[in-house]
């Protein structure tokens, strides 16, 4: 954290040129790693399965509440005599 703050303070004191910015950006990109296509495929499958699971779960919960509220409405109508 202290290094980040120090770097920010240095950035305020000295502006870098466009050339230096591009050079630093390329150097940073050389240090990054990207996921393999197998990792991307596996992660995508997990996301799709999770979305389908939660869609079905929320649909069932919603239908349960509809059933409960319709039953409650029926009971209230019977008590009120409507």
PDB file of N, CA and C in Angstrom:
ATOM      1  N   UNK A   1       0.831  -1.188   0.000  1.00  0.00           N
ATOM      2  CA  UNK A   1       0.000   0.000   0.000  1.00  0.00           C
ATOM      3  C   UNK A   1       0.875   1.250   0.000  1.00  0.00           C
ATOM      4  N   UNK A   2       1.931   1.196   0.803  1.00  0.00           N
ATOM      5  CA  UNK A   2       2.812   2.357   0.871  1.00  0.00           C
ATOM      6  C   UNK A   2       3.493   2.594  -0.469  1.00  0.00           C
ATOM      7  N   UNK A   3       3.802   1.501  -1.176  1.00  0.00           N
ATOM      8  CA  UNK A   3       4.439   1.650  -2.483  1.00  0.00           C
ATOM      9  C   UNK A   3       3.479   2.319  -3.460  1.00  0.00           C
ATOM     10  N   UNK A   4       2.202   1.945  -3.393  1.00  0.00           N
ATOM     11  CA  UNK A   4       1.218   2.532  -4.302  1.00  0.00           C
ATOM     12  C   UNK A   4       1.063   4.020  -4.029  1.00  0.00           C
ATOM     13  N   UNK A   5       1.044   4.376  -2.742  1.00  0.00           N
ATOM     14  CA  UNK A   5       0.918   5.793  -2.395  1.00  0.00           C
ATOM     15  C   UNK A   5       2.155   6.544  -2.853  1.00  0.00           C
ATOM     16  N   UNK A   6       3.332   5.937  -2.656  1.00  0.00           N
ATOM     17  CA  UNK A   6       4.571   6.577  -3.098  1.00  0.00           C
ATOM     18  C   UNK A   6       4.600   6.759  -4.600  1.00  0.00           C
ATOM     19  N   UNK A   7       4.122   5.752  -5.325  1.00  0.00           N
ATOM     20  CA  UNK A   7       4.087   5.853  -6.782  1.00  0.00           C
ATOM     21  C   UNK A   7       3.117   6.947  -7.223  1.00  0.00           C
ATOM     22  N   UNK A   8       2.000   7.068  -6.514  1.00  0.00           N
ATOM     23  CA  UNK A   8       1.038   8.120  -6.868  1.00  0.00           C
ATOM     24  C   UNK A   8       1.635   9.491  -6.621  1.00  0.00           C
ATOM     25  N   UNK A   9       2.357   9.628  -5.512  1.00  0.00           N
ATOM     26  CA  UNK A   9       2.962  10.919  -5.218  1.00  0.00           C
ATOM     27  C   UNK A   9       4.039  11.257  -6.240  1.00  0.00           C
ATOM     28  N   UNK A  10       4.795  10.247  -6.674  1.00  0.00           N
ATOM     29  CA  UNK A  10       5.809  10.486  -7.697  1.00  0.00           C
ATOM     30  C   UNK A  10       5.151  10.875  -9.012  1.00  0.00           C
ATOM     31  N   UNK A  11       4.003  10.253  -9.322  1.00  0.00           N
ATOM     32  CA  UNK A  11       3.293  10.553 -10.559  1.00  0.00           C
ATOM     33  C   UNK A  11       2.801  11.981 -10.593  1.00  0.00           C
ATOM     34  N   UNK A  12       2.474  12.519  -9.436  1.00  0.00           N
ATOM     35  CA  UNK A  12       2.007  13.902  -9.383  1.00  0.00           C
ATOM     36  C   UNK A  12       3.156  14.877  -9.632  1.00  0.00           C
ATOM     37  N   UNK A  13       4.351  14.503  -9.209  1.00  0.00           N
ATOM     38  CA  UNK A  13       5.494  15.394  -9.353  1.00  0.00           C
ATOM     39  C   UNK A  13       6.025  15.415 -10.784  1.00  0.00           C
ATOM     40  N   UNK A  14       6.024  14.245 -11.436  1.00  0.00           N
ATOM     41  CA  UNK A  14       6.674  14.140 -12.742  1.00  0.00           C
ATOM     42  C   UNK A  14       5.686  13.562 -13.750  1.00  0.00           C
ATOM     43  N   UNK A  15       5.506  14.264 -14.850  1.00  0.00           N
ATOM     44  CA  UNK A  15       4.647  13.752 -15.916  1.00  0.00           C
ATOM     45  C   UNK A  15       5.515  12.977 -16.891  1.00  0.00           C
ATOM     46  N   UNK A  16       4.975  11.833 -17.378  1.00  0.00           N
ATOM     47  CA  UNK A  16       5.745  11.068 -18.341  1.00  0.00           C
ATOM     48  C   UNK A  16       5.264  11.376 -19.753  1.00  0.00           C
ATOM     49  N   UNK A  17       6.146  11.231 -20.677  1.00  0.00           N
ATOM     50  CA  UNK A  17       5.805  11.527 -22.064  1.00  0.00           C
ATOM     51  C   UNK A  17       4.975  10.377 -22.639  1.00  0.00           C
ATOM     52  N   UNK A  18       4.418  10.604 -23.817  1.00  0.00           N
ATOM     53  CA  UNK A  18       3.605   9.587 -24.480  1.00  0.00           C
ATOM     54  C   UNK A  18       4.461   8.376 -24.797  1.00  0.00           C
ATOM     55  N   UNK A  19       5.669   8.584 -25.239  1.00  0.00           N
ATOM     56  CA  UNK A  19       6.578   7.480 -25.548  1.00  0.00           C
ATOM     57  C   UNK A  19       6.877   6.623 -24.328  1.00  0.00           C
ATOM     58  N   UNK A  20       7.130   7.278 -23.189  1.00  0.00           N
ATOM     59  CA  UNK A  20       7.382   6.551 -21.949  1.00  0.00           C
ATOM     60  C   UNK A  20       6.138   5.781 -21.521  1.00  0.00           C
ATOM     61  N   UNK A  21       4.980   6.394 -21.706  1.00  0.00           N
ATOM     62  CA  UNK A  21       3.725   5.718 -21.348  1.00  0.00           C
ATOM     63  C   UNK A  21       3.549   4.449 -22.172  1.00  0.00           C
ATOM     64  N   UNK A  22       3.783   4.535 -23.477  1.00  0.00           N
ATOM     65  CA  UNK A  22       3.641   3.361 -24.349  1.00  0.00           C
ATOM     66  C   UNK A  22       4.668   2.300 -23.976  1.00  0.00           C
ATOM     67  N   UNK A  23       5.901   2.724 -23.696  1.00  0.00           N
ATOM     68  CA  UNK A  23       6.950   1.784 -23.295  1.00  0.00           C
ATOM     69  C   UNK A  23       6.570   1.079 -22.000  1.00  0.00           C
ATOM     70  N   UNK A  24       6.084   1.833 -21.035  1.00  0.00           N
ATOM     71  CA  UNK A  24       5.680   1.241 -19.751  1.00  0.00           C
ATOM     72  C   UNK A  24       4.463   0.327 -19.923  1.00  0.00           C
ATOM     73  N   UNK A  25       3.561   0.705 -20.802  1.00  0.00           N
ATOM     74  CA  UNK A  25       2.380  -0.124 -21.048  1.00  0.00           C
ATOM     75  C   UNK A  25       2.780  -1.453 -21.672  1.00  0.00           C
ATOM     76  N   UNK A  26       3.669  -1.422 -22.643  1.00  0.00           N
ATOM     77  CA  UNK A  26       4.142  -2.669 -23.264  1.00  0.00           C
ATOM     78  C   UNK A  26       4.880  -3.538 -22.260  1.00  0.00           C
ATOM     79  N   UNK A  27       5.673  -2.925 -21.405  1.00  0.00           N
ATOM     80  CA  UNK A  27       6.396  -3.687 -20.383  1.00  0.00           C
ATOM     81  C   UNK A  27       5.406  -4.350 -19.420  1.00  0.00           C
ATOM     82  N   UNK A  28       4.350  -3.643 -19.071  1.00  0.00           N
ATOM     83  CA  UNK A  28       3.332  -4.206 -18.180  1.00  0.00           C
ATOM     84  C   UNK A  28       2.586  -5.348 -18.862  1.00  0.00           C
ATOM     85  N   UNK A  29       2.281  -5.196 -20.140  1.00  0.00           N
ATOM     86  CA  UNK A  29       1.599  -6.271 -20.874  1.00  0.00           C
ATOM     87  C   UNK A  29       2.478  -7.513 -20.984  1.00  0.00           C
ATOM     88  N   UNK A  30       3.795  -7.338 -21.061  1.00  0.00           N
ATOM     89  CA  UNK A  30       4.700  -8.486 -21.115  1.00  0.00           C
ATOM     90  C   UNK A  30       4.672  -9.269 -19.798  1.00  0.00           C
ATOM     91  N   UNK A  31       4.358  -8.607 -18.685  1.00  0.00           N
ATOM     92  CA  UNK A  31       4.320  -9.269 -17.385  1.00  0.00           C
ATOM     93  C   UNK A  31       2.969  -9.913 -17.078  1.00  0.00           C
ATOM     94  N   UNK A  32       1.962  -9.625 -17.874  1.00  0.00           N
ATOM     95  CA  UNK A  32       0.639 -10.188 -17.598  1.00  0.00           C
ATOM     96  C   UNK A  32       0.524 -11.590 -18.186  1.00  0.00           C
ATOM     97  N   UNK A  33      -0.367 -12.353 -17.592  1.00  0.00           N
ATOM     98  CA  UNK A  33      -0.659 -13.682 -18.113  1.00  0.00           C
ATOM     99  C   UNK A  33      -2.145 -13.739 -18.441  1.00  0.00           C
ATOM    100  N   UNK A  34      -2.464 -14.467 -19.477  1.00  0.00           N
ATOM    101  CA  UNK A  34      -3.847 -14.612 -19.895  1.00  0.00           C
ATOM    102  C   UNK A  34      -4.265 -16.063 -19.713  1.00  0.00           C
ATOM    103  N   UNK A  35      -5.541 -16.293 -19.413  1.00  0.00           N
ATOM    104  CA  UNK A  35      -5.984 -17.674 -19.201  1.00  0.00           C
ATOM    105  C   UNK A  35      -5.944 -18.469 -20.506  1.00  0.00           C
ATOM    106  N   UNK A  36      -5.747 -19.756 -20.345  1.00  0.00           N
ATOM    107  CA  UNK A  36      -5.737 -20.619 -21.526  1.00  0.00           C
ATOM    108  C   UNK A  36      -7.164 -20.801 -22.028  1.00  0.00           C
ATOM    109  N   UNK A  37      -7.290 -21.297 -23.244  1.00  0.00           N
ATOM    110  CA  UNK A  37      -8.639 -21.503 -23.795  1.00  0.00           C
ATOM    111  C   UNK A  37      -9.389 -22.556 -22.996  1.00  0.00           C
ATOM    112  N   UNK A  38      -8.671 -23.519 -22.424  1.00  0.00           N
ATOM    113  CA  UNK A  38      -9.305 -24.543 -21.586  1.00  0.00           C
ATOM    114  C   UNK A  38      -9.885 -23.910 -20.314  1.00  0.00           C
ATOM    115  N   UNK A  39      -9.140 -22.987 -19.697  1.00  0.00           N
ATOM    116  CA  UNK A  39      -9.634 -22.286 -18.510  1.00  0.00           C
ATOM    117  C   UNK A  39     -10.876 -21.468 -18.837  1.00  0.00           C
ATOM    118  N   UNK A  40     -10.841 -20.777 -19.966  1.00  0.00           N
ATOM    119  CA  UNK A  40     -11.994 -19.961 -20.373  1.00  0.00           C
ATOM    120  C   UNK A  40     -13.208 -20.837 -20.617  1.00  0.00           C
ATOM    121  N   UNK A  41     -12.996 -21.977 -21.285  1.00  0.00           N
ATOM    122  CA  UNK A  41     -14.099 -22.901 -21.572  1.00  0.00           C
ATOM    123  C   UNK A  41     -14.703 -23.443 -20.270  1.00  0.00           C
ATOM    124  N   UNK A  42     -13.849 -23.869 -19.341  1.00  0.00           N
ATOM    125  CA  UNK A  42     -14.339 -24.420 -18.073  1.00  0.00           C
ATOM    126  C   UNK A  42     -15.089 -23.365 -17.254  1.00  0.00           C
ATOM    127  N   UNK A  43     -14.566 -22.174 -17.220  1.00  0.00           N
ATOM    128  CA  UNK A  43     -15.222 -21.101 -16.479  1.00  0.00           C
ATOM    129  C   UNK A  43     -16.566 -20.745 -17.106  1.00  0.00           C
ATOM    130  N   UNK A  44     -16.632 -20.729 -18.418  1.00  0.00           N
ATOM    131  CA  UNK A  44     -17.887 -20.440 -19.107  1.00  0.00           C
ATOM    132  C   UNK A  44     -18.936 -21.495 -18.803  1.00  0.00           C
ATOM    133  N   UNK A  45     -18.523 -22.749 -18.793  1.00  0.00           N
ATOM    134  CA  UNK A  45     -19.463 -23.832 -18.472  1.00  0.00           C
ATOM    135  C   UNK A  45     -19.989 -23.675 -17.055  1.00  0.00           C
ATOM    136  N   UNK A  46     -19.116 -23.346 -16.118  1.00  0.00           N
ATOM    137  CA  UNK A  46     -19.539 -23.152 -14.723  1.00  0.00           C
ATOM    138  C   UNK A  46     -20.540 -22.006 -14.627  1.00  0.00           C
ATOM    139  N   UNK A  47     -20.283 -20.917 -15.323  1.00  0.00           N
ATOM    140  CA  UNK A  47     -21.190 -19.763 -15.280  1.00  0.00           C
ATOM    141  C   UNK A  47     -22.548 -20.117 -15.870  1.00  0.00           C
ATOM    142  N   UNK A  48     -22.563 -20.808 -17.005  1.00  0.00           N
ATOM    143  CA  UNK A  48     -23.832 -21.168 -17.642  1.00  0.00           C
ATOM    144  C   UNK A  48     -24.641 -22.100 -16.740  1.00  0.00           C
ATOM    145  N   UNK A  49     -23.985 -23.094 -16.150  1.00  0.00           N
ATOM    146  CA  UNK A  49     -24.683 -24.017 -15.244  1.00  0.00           C
ATOM    147  C   UNK A  49     -25.217 -23.264 -14.029  1.00  0.00           C
ATOM    148  N   UNK A  50     -24.435 -22.349 -13.480  1.00  0.00           N
ATOM    149  CA  UNK A  50     -24.885 -21.570 -12.320  1.00  0.00           C
ATOM    150  C   UNK A  50     -26.102 -20.710 -12.664  1.00  0.00           C
ATOM    151  N   UNK A  51     -26.076 -20.076 -13.820  1.00  0.00           N
ATOM    152  CA  UNK A  51     -27.194 -19.230 -14.235  1.00  0.00           C
ATOM    153  C   UNK A  51     -28.457 -20.068 -14.401  1.00  0.00           C
ATOM    154  N   UNK A  52     -28.330 -21.240 -15.035  1.00  0.00           N
ATOM    155  CA  UNK A  52     -29.499 -22.110 -15.212  1.00  0.00           C
ATOM    156  C   UNK A  52     -30.027 -22.574 -13.855  1.00  0.00           C
ATOM    157  N   UNK A  53     -29.131 -22.974 -12.952  1.00  0.00           N
ATOM    158  CA  UNK A  53     -29.547 -23.421 -11.620  1.00  0.00           C
ATOM    159  C   UNK A  53     -30.315 -22.335 -10.881  1.00  0.00           C
ATOM    160  N   UNK A  54     -29.756 -21.123 -10.848  1.00  0.00           N
ATOM    161  CA  UNK A  54     -30.412 -20.051 -10.107  1.00  0.00           C
ATOM    162  C   UNK A  54     -31.700 -19.591 -10.785  1.00  0.00           C
ATOM    163  N   UNK A  55     -31.773 -19.676 -12.099  1.00  0.00           N
ATOM    164  CA  UNK A  55     -33.022 -19.333 -12.790  1.00  0.00           C
ATOM    165  C   UNK A  55     -34.122 -20.309 -12.399  1.00  0.00           C
ATOM    166  N   UNK A  56     -33.809 -21.592 -12.385  1.00  0.00           N
ATOM    167  CA  UNK A  56     -34.803 -22.599 -11.981  1.00  0.00           C
ATOM    168  C   UNK A  56     -35.179 -22.424 -10.517  1.00  0.00           C
ATOM    169  N   UNK A  57     -34.185 -22.201  -9.661  1.00  0.00           N
ATOM    170  CA  UNK A  57     -34.443 -22.012  -8.232  1.00  0.00           C
ATOM    171  C   UNK A  57     -35.363 -20.811  -7.988  1.00  0.00           C
ATOM    172  N   UNK A  58     -35.047 -19.678  -8.606  1.00  0.00           N
ATOM    173  CA  UNK A  58     -35.875 -18.485  -8.405  1.00  0.00           C
ATOM    174  C   UNK A  58     -37.267 -18.661  -8.993  1.00  0.00           C
ATOM    175  N   UNK A  59     -37.400 -19.376 -10.107  1.00  0.00           N
ATOM    176  CA  UNK A  59     -38.714 -19.672 -10.670  1.00  0.00           C
ATOM    177  C   UNK A  59     -39.544 -20.485  -9.677  1.00  0.00           C
ATOM    178  N   UNK A  60     -38.933 -21.508  -9.082  1.00  0.00           N
ATOM    179  CA  UNK A  60     -39.661 -22.344  -8.127  1.00  0.00           C
ATOM    180  C   UNK A  60     -40.042 -21.568  -6.868  1.00  0.00           C
ATOM    181  N   UNK A  61     -39.150 -20.727  -6.383  1.00  0.00           N
ATOM    182  CA  UNK A  61     -39.469 -19.900  -5.212  1.00  0.00           C
ATOM    183  C   UNK A  61     -40.614 -18.952  -5.540  1.00  0.00           C
ATOM    184  N   UNK A  62     -40.579 -18.348  -6.721  1.00  0.00           N
ATOM    185  CA  UNK A  62     -41.637 -17.437  -7.143  1.00  0.00           C
ATOM    186  C   UNK A  62     -42.973 -18.168  -7.232  1.00  0.00           C
ATOM    187  N   UNK A  63     -42.975 -19.357  -7.821  1.00  0.00           N
ATOM    188  CA  UNK A  63     -44.216 -20.126  -7.927  1.00  0.00           C
ATOM    189  C   UNK A  63     -44.730 -20.529  -6.549  1.00  0.00           C
ATOM    190  N   UNK A  64     -43.821 -20.826  -5.631  1.00  0.00           N
ATOM    191  CA  UNK A  64     -44.224 -21.138  -4.254  1.00  0.00           C
ATOM    192  C   UNK A  64     -44.913 -19.958  -3.592  1.00  0.00           C
ATOM    193  N   UNK A  65     -44.366 -18.767  -3.770  1.00  0.00           N
ATOM    194  CA  UNK A  65     -44.987 -17.575  -3.192  1.00  0.00           C
ATOM    195  C   UNK A  65     -46.344 -17.286  -3.839  1.00  0.00           C
ATOM    196  N   UNK A  66     -46.451 -17.518  -5.129  1.00  0.00           N
ATOM    197  CA  UNK A  66     -47.749 -17.332  -5.793  1.00  0.00           C
ATOM    198  C   UNK A  66     -48.775 -18.260  -5.173  1.00  0.00           C
ATOM    199  N   UNK A  67     -48.402 -19.510  -4.957  1.00  0.00           N
ATOM    200  CA  UNK A  67     -49.308 -20.486  -4.351  1.00  0.00           C
ATOM    201  C   UNK A  67     -49.712 -20.046  -2.947  1.00  0.00           C
ATOM    202  N   UNK A  68     -48.736 -19.622  -2.145  1.00  0.00           N
ATOM    203  CA  UNK A  68     -49.016 -19.194  -0.765  1.00  0.00           C
ATOM    204  C   UNK A  68     -49.932 -17.976  -0.765  1.00  0.00           C
ATOM    205  N   UNK A  69     -49.666 -16.999  -1.596  1.00  0.00           N
ATOM    206  CA  UNK A  69     -50.474 -15.780  -1.603  1.00  0.00           C
ATOM    207  C   UNK A  69     -51.885 -16.035  -2.136  1.00  0.00           C
ATOM    208  N   UNK A  70     -52.016 -16.922  -3.117  1.00  0.00           N
ATOM    209  CA  UNK A  70     -53.365 -17.265  -3.591  1.00  0.00           C
ATOM    210  C   UNK A  70     -54.150 -17.990  -2.502  1.00  0.00           C
ATOM    211  N   UNK A  71     -53.501 -18.873  -1.760  1.00  0.00           N
ATOM    212  CA  UNK A  71     -54.169 -19.568  -0.655  1.00  0.00           C
ATOM    213  C   UNK A  71     -54.568 -18.585   0.435  1.00  0.00           C
ATOM    214  N   UNK A  72     -53.695 -17.647   0.742  1.00  0.00           N
ATOM    215  CA  UNK A  72     -53.997 -16.636   1.755  1.00  0.00           C
ATOM    216  C   UNK A  72     -55.151 -15.750   1.304  1.00  0.00           C
ATOM    217  N   UNK A  73     -55.177 -15.384   0.037  1.00  0.00           N
ATOM    218  CA  UNK A  73     -56.282 -14.586  -0.501  1.00  0.00           C
ATOM    219  C   UNK A  73     -57.595 -15.360  -0.411  1.00  0.00           C
ATOM    220  N   UNK A  74     -57.558 -16.643  -0.707  1.00  0.00           N
ATOM    221  CA  UNK A  74     -58.755 -17.478  -0.629  1.00  0.00           C
ATOM    222  C   UNK A  74     -59.269 -17.534   0.804  1.00  0.00           C
ATOM    223  N   UNK A  75     -58.365 -17.693   1.777  1.00  0.00           N
ATOM    224  CA  UNK A  75     -58.751 -17.758   3.186  1.00  0.00           C
ATOM    225  C   UNK A  75     -59.362 -16.433   3.624  1.00  0.00           C
ATOM    226  N   UNK A  76     -58.745 -15.330   3.257  1.00  0.00           N
ATOM    227  CA  UNK A  76     -59.253 -14.013   3.652  1.00  0.00           C
ATOM    228  C   UNK A  76     -60.623 -13.783   3.032  1.00  0.00           C
ATOM    229  N   UNK A  77     -60.827 -14.178   1.771  1.00  0.00           N
ATOM    230  CA  UNK A  77     -62.130 -14.024   1.119  1.00  0.00           C
ATOM    231  C   UNK A  77     -63.184 -14.874   1.808  1.00  0.00           C
ATOM    232  N   UNK A  78     -62.837 -16.073   2.246  1.00  0.00           N
ATOM    233  CA  UNK A  78     -63.797 -16.941   2.957  1.00  0.00           C
ATOM    234  C   UNK A  78     -64.168 -16.325   4.314  1.00  0.00           C
ATOM    235  N   UNK A  79     -63.200 -15.764   4.996  1.00  0.00           N
ATOM    236  CA  UNK A  79     -63.465 -15.152   6.309  1.00  0.00           C
ATOM    237  C   UNK A  79     -64.295 -13.888   6.139  1.00  0.00           C
ATOM    238  N   UNK A  80     -63.971 -13.092   5.142  1.00  0.00           N
ATOM    239  CA  UNK A  80     -64.675 -11.822   4.930  1.00  0.00           C
ATOM    240  C   UNK A  80     -66.028 -12.042   4.278  1.00  0.00           C
ATOM    241  N   UNK A  81     -66.262 -13.228   3.719  1.00  0.00           N
ATOM    242  CA  UNK A  81     -67.543 -13.525   3.106  1.00  0.00           C
ATOM    243  C   UNK A  81     -67.697 -12.966   1.717  1.00  0.00           C
ATOM    244  N   UNK A  82     -66.602 -12.675   1.071  1.00  0.00           N
ATOM    245  CA  UNK A  82     -66.690 -12.127  -0.283  1.00  0.00           C
ATOM    246  C   UNK A  82     -66.762 -13.198  -1.323  1.00  0.00           C
TER     247      UNK A  82
END
